[in-house]
N, C-alpha and C. Protein backbone atom coordinates (compact mmCIF):
# COMPACT_ATOMS: atom_id res chain seq x y z
N MET A 1 100.11 112.03 -95.51
CA MET A 1 99.39 111.03 -96.29
C MET A 1 100.40 110.19 -97.06
N ALA A 2 100.07 108.91 -97.25
CA ALA A 2 101.00 108.01 -97.93
C ALA A 2 101.11 108.37 -99.40
N THR A 3 102.30 108.19 -99.92
CA THR A 3 102.51 108.46 -101.33
C THR A 3 103.05 107.21 -101.99
N GLY A 4 103.06 107.21 -103.31
CA GLY A 4 103.60 106.07 -104.03
C GLY A 4 102.56 105.00 -104.25
N THR A 5 102.98 103.94 -104.91
CA THR A 5 102.08 102.87 -105.29
C THR A 5 101.46 102.18 -104.08
N GLN A 6 102.24 101.89 -103.06
CA GLN A 6 101.73 101.17 -101.89
C GLN A 6 100.62 101.96 -101.22
N GLY A 7 100.78 103.26 -101.06
CA GLY A 7 99.75 104.08 -100.44
C GLY A 7 98.48 104.12 -101.27
N GLN A 8 98.62 104.13 -102.59
CA GLN A 8 97.47 104.15 -103.46
C GLN A 8 96.71 102.83 -103.39
N LEU A 9 97.42 101.73 -103.33
CA LEU A 9 96.77 100.43 -103.28
C LEU A 9 95.97 100.26 -102.00
N ALA A 10 96.49 100.75 -100.89
CA ALA A 10 95.82 100.60 -99.61
C ALA A 10 94.51 101.39 -99.57
N LEU A 11 94.39 102.41 -100.40
CA LEU A 11 93.21 103.26 -100.38
C LEU A 11 92.16 102.86 -101.41
N ARG A 12 92.43 101.89 -102.24
CA ARG A 12 91.48 101.49 -103.29
C ARG A 12 90.27 100.82 -102.66
N GLU A 13 89.09 101.15 -103.15
CA GLU A 13 87.86 100.53 -102.64
C GLU A 13 87.70 99.12 -103.19
N VAL A 14 88.01 98.91 -104.46
CA VAL A 14 87.91 97.58 -105.06
C VAL A 14 89.31 97.07 -105.32
N MET A 15 89.60 95.90 -104.75
CA MET A 15 90.94 95.33 -104.83
C MET A 15 90.90 93.99 -105.54
N ASP A 16 92.02 93.64 -106.20
CA ASP A 16 92.14 92.30 -106.75
C ASP A 16 92.61 91.36 -105.64
N ILE A 17 92.78 90.11 -105.98
CA ILE A 17 93.09 89.12 -104.94
C ILE A 17 94.44 89.39 -104.27
N ARG A 18 95.43 89.84 -105.04
CA ARG A 18 96.75 90.13 -104.46
C ARG A 18 96.68 91.30 -103.51
N GLN A 19 96.00 92.36 -103.91
CA GLN A 19 95.88 93.55 -103.07
C GLN A 19 95.10 93.23 -101.79
N ALA A 20 94.00 92.49 -101.94
CA ALA A 20 93.18 92.14 -100.77
C ALA A 20 93.94 91.20 -99.83
N ALA A 21 94.70 90.26 -100.38
CA ALA A 21 95.49 89.35 -99.54
C ALA A 21 96.53 90.14 -98.75
N ASP A 22 97.19 91.09 -99.41
CA ASP A 22 98.15 91.95 -98.70
C ASP A 22 97.46 92.74 -97.61
N TYR A 23 96.29 93.28 -97.92
CA TYR A 23 95.53 94.08 -96.96
C TYR A 23 95.15 93.24 -95.73
N LEU A 24 94.74 91.99 -95.96
CA LEU A 24 94.33 91.11 -94.86
C LEU A 24 95.51 90.42 -94.18
N GLY A 25 96.66 90.43 -94.82
CA GLY A 25 97.84 89.78 -94.25
C GLY A 25 97.82 88.27 -94.37
N ILE A 26 97.22 87.78 -95.45
CA ILE A 26 97.18 86.34 -95.70
C ILE A 26 97.68 86.08 -97.11
N SER A 27 97.90 84.82 -97.43
CA SER A 27 98.40 84.49 -98.77
C SER A 27 97.27 84.60 -99.80
N GLY A 28 97.65 84.82 -101.04
CA GLY A 28 96.67 84.86 -102.12
C GLY A 28 95.93 83.54 -102.27
N ASP A 29 96.64 82.42 -102.07
CA ASP A 29 96.01 81.10 -102.17
C ASP A 29 94.93 80.92 -101.11
N THR A 30 95.23 81.37 -99.89
CA THR A 30 94.25 81.26 -98.80
C THR A 30 93.04 82.13 -99.11
N LEU A 31 93.26 83.36 -99.56
CA LEU A 31 92.15 84.24 -99.88
C LEU A 31 91.33 83.69 -101.03
N TYR A 32 91.97 83.11 -102.03
CA TYR A 32 91.25 82.51 -103.14
C TYR A 32 90.32 81.41 -102.63
N ARG A 33 90.84 80.57 -101.73
CA ARG A 33 90.02 79.49 -101.15
C ARG A 33 88.86 80.07 -100.35
N TYR A 34 89.14 81.09 -99.51
CA TYR A 34 88.08 81.72 -98.72
C TYR A 34 86.99 82.31 -99.62
N ALA A 35 87.39 82.97 -100.71
CA ALA A 35 86.42 83.57 -101.63
C ALA A 35 85.60 82.48 -102.31
N SER A 36 86.24 81.42 -102.76
CA SER A 36 85.55 80.32 -103.43
C SER A 36 84.54 79.64 -102.52
N GLU A 37 84.85 79.58 -101.22
CA GLU A 37 83.97 78.94 -100.25
C GLU A 37 82.91 79.89 -99.70
N GLY A 38 82.99 81.18 -100.08
CA GLY A 38 82.02 82.15 -99.58
C GLY A 38 82.31 82.61 -98.16
N PHE A 39 83.51 82.38 -97.68
CA PHE A 39 83.87 82.76 -96.31
C PHE A 39 84.11 84.25 -96.17
N VAL A 40 84.65 84.89 -97.21
CA VAL A 40 84.89 86.33 -97.21
C VAL A 40 83.98 86.97 -98.25
N PRO A 41 83.58 88.23 -98.03
CA PRO A 41 82.76 88.91 -99.02
C PRO A 41 83.58 89.22 -100.27
N ALA A 42 83.14 88.70 -101.40
CA ALA A 42 83.87 88.88 -102.66
C ALA A 42 82.89 88.72 -103.81
N PHE A 43 83.31 89.18 -104.97
CA PHE A 43 82.51 88.98 -106.17
C PHE A 43 83.45 88.76 -107.34
N LYS A 44 82.91 88.15 -108.38
CA LYS A 44 83.71 87.91 -109.57
C LYS A 44 83.37 88.95 -110.62
N LEU A 45 84.42 89.49 -111.21
CA LEU A 45 84.29 90.40 -112.34
C LEU A 45 84.95 89.66 -113.49
N GLY A 46 84.14 89.13 -114.39
CA GLY A 46 84.66 88.20 -115.39
C GLY A 46 85.01 86.92 -114.67
N ASN A 47 86.26 86.49 -114.80
CA ASN A 47 86.68 85.28 -114.10
C ASN A 47 87.65 85.59 -112.96
N ARG A 48 87.69 86.84 -112.52
CA ARG A 48 88.63 87.26 -111.47
C ARG A 48 87.88 87.73 -110.23
N TRP A 49 88.39 87.32 -109.07
CA TRP A 49 87.81 87.75 -107.81
C TRP A 49 88.14 89.21 -107.54
N ARG A 50 87.16 89.94 -106.99
CA ARG A 50 87.34 91.33 -106.56
C ARG A 50 86.80 91.46 -105.15
N PHE A 51 87.36 92.40 -104.41
CA PHE A 51 87.03 92.57 -102.99
C PHE A 51 86.84 94.05 -102.71
N ARG A 52 85.71 94.41 -102.09
CA ARG A 52 85.49 95.80 -101.68
C ARG A 52 86.07 96.00 -100.29
N LYS A 53 86.92 97.01 -100.16
CA LYS A 53 87.59 97.28 -98.89
C LYS A 53 86.58 97.49 -97.77
N SER A 54 85.52 98.24 -98.03
CA SER A 54 84.53 98.51 -96.99
C SER A 54 83.86 97.23 -96.50
N LEU A 55 83.61 96.28 -97.41
CA LEU A 55 83.00 95.01 -96.99
C LEU A 55 84.00 94.15 -96.23
N LEU A 56 85.26 94.19 -96.63
CA LEU A 56 86.28 93.45 -95.88
C LEU A 56 86.43 94.03 -94.48
N ASP A 57 86.40 95.36 -94.37
CA ASP A 57 86.49 96.00 -93.05
C ASP A 57 85.33 95.57 -92.16
N SER A 58 84.12 95.59 -92.70
CA SER A 58 82.93 95.17 -91.93
C SER A 58 83.03 93.70 -91.54
N TRP A 59 83.50 92.87 -92.47
CA TRP A 59 83.65 91.44 -92.22
C TRP A 59 84.66 91.21 -91.09
N MET A 60 85.79 91.94 -91.13
CA MET A 60 86.79 91.79 -90.07
C MET A 60 86.23 92.25 -88.73
N ASP A 61 85.48 93.35 -88.72
CA ASP A 61 84.86 93.82 -87.48
C ASP A 61 83.93 92.75 -86.91
N GLU A 62 83.12 92.17 -87.78
CA GLU A 62 82.18 91.14 -87.35
C GLU A 62 82.91 89.92 -86.79
N LYS A 63 83.94 89.47 -87.50
CA LYS A 63 84.67 88.27 -87.07
C LYS A 63 85.48 88.51 -85.80
N SER A 64 85.89 89.75 -85.57
CA SER A 64 86.69 90.05 -84.38
C SER A 64 85.84 90.47 -83.19
N GLY A 65 84.53 90.55 -83.38
CA GLY A 65 83.64 90.90 -82.29
C GLY A 65 83.54 92.39 -82.03
N VAL A 66 84.04 93.21 -82.95
CA VAL A 66 83.94 94.66 -82.79
C VAL A 66 82.51 95.09 -83.10
N VAL A 67 81.94 95.86 -82.19
CA VAL A 67 80.59 96.38 -82.39
C VAL A 67 80.72 97.84 -82.79
N PRO A 68 80.29 98.18 -84.02
CA PRO A 68 80.41 99.59 -84.43
C PRO A 68 79.52 100.49 -83.59
N LYS A 69 80.04 101.67 -83.26
CA LYS A 69 79.26 102.63 -82.49
C LYS A 69 78.27 103.33 -83.42
N VAL A 70 77.07 103.54 -82.93
CA VAL A 70 76.05 104.22 -83.71
C VAL A 70 76.03 105.67 -83.28
N MET A 71 76.22 106.56 -84.23
CA MET A 71 76.16 107.99 -83.94
C MET A 71 74.69 108.41 -83.89
N VAL A 72 74.32 109.07 -82.81
CA VAL A 72 72.94 109.50 -82.64
C VAL A 72 72.92 111.01 -82.51
N GLU A 73 72.07 111.65 -83.30
CA GLU A 73 71.94 113.09 -83.20
C GLU A 73 71.21 113.43 -81.90
N PRO A 74 71.54 114.55 -81.30
CA PRO A 74 70.85 114.94 -80.06
C PRO A 74 69.34 115.03 -80.30
N GLY A 75 68.60 114.49 -79.38
CA GLY A 75 67.14 114.53 -79.48
C GLY A 75 66.54 113.39 -80.27
N LYS A 76 67.36 112.54 -80.83
CA LYS A 76 66.86 111.39 -81.59
C LYS A 76 67.16 110.12 -80.83
N LYS A 77 66.28 109.14 -81.00
CA LYS A 77 66.46 107.86 -80.34
C LYS A 77 67.42 106.99 -81.14
N LYS A 78 68.08 106.07 -80.43
CA LYS A 78 68.93 105.10 -81.09
C LYS A 78 68.06 104.12 -81.86
N PRO A 79 68.56 103.59 -82.98
CA PRO A 79 67.79 102.57 -83.70
C PRO A 79 67.68 101.31 -82.86
N VAL A 80 66.58 100.63 -82.98
CA VAL A 80 66.34 99.41 -82.23
C VAL A 80 66.89 98.24 -83.04
N ALA A 81 67.66 97.38 -82.38
CA ALA A 81 68.22 96.20 -83.04
C ALA A 81 67.12 95.21 -83.30
N SER A 82 67.21 94.50 -84.40
CA SER A 82 66.21 93.50 -84.74
C SER A 82 66.33 92.30 -83.79
N ALA A 83 65.21 91.68 -83.49
CA ALA A 83 65.20 90.51 -82.61
C ALA A 83 65.78 89.33 -83.35
N ARG A 84 66.50 88.49 -82.64
CA ARG A 84 67.07 87.30 -83.29
C ARG A 84 66.42 86.06 -82.78
């Protein structure tokens, strides 16, 4: 398991703009613009942007076309997708 500050930052559920930009591999300025435009899932805490890692992961999956696998217990039916 990772140790030190870098490992701890990568595991945080709520990240500030610098941490989230590092996580996404983009500049803080770009992420600030994306958050302001509503392009990435973010929220403001006071006057500072915050990012939930789980929402960023889901957003990246959606944007990259990754379809999450649904775990189905034996004997149960898969959930039906909503009609679009």
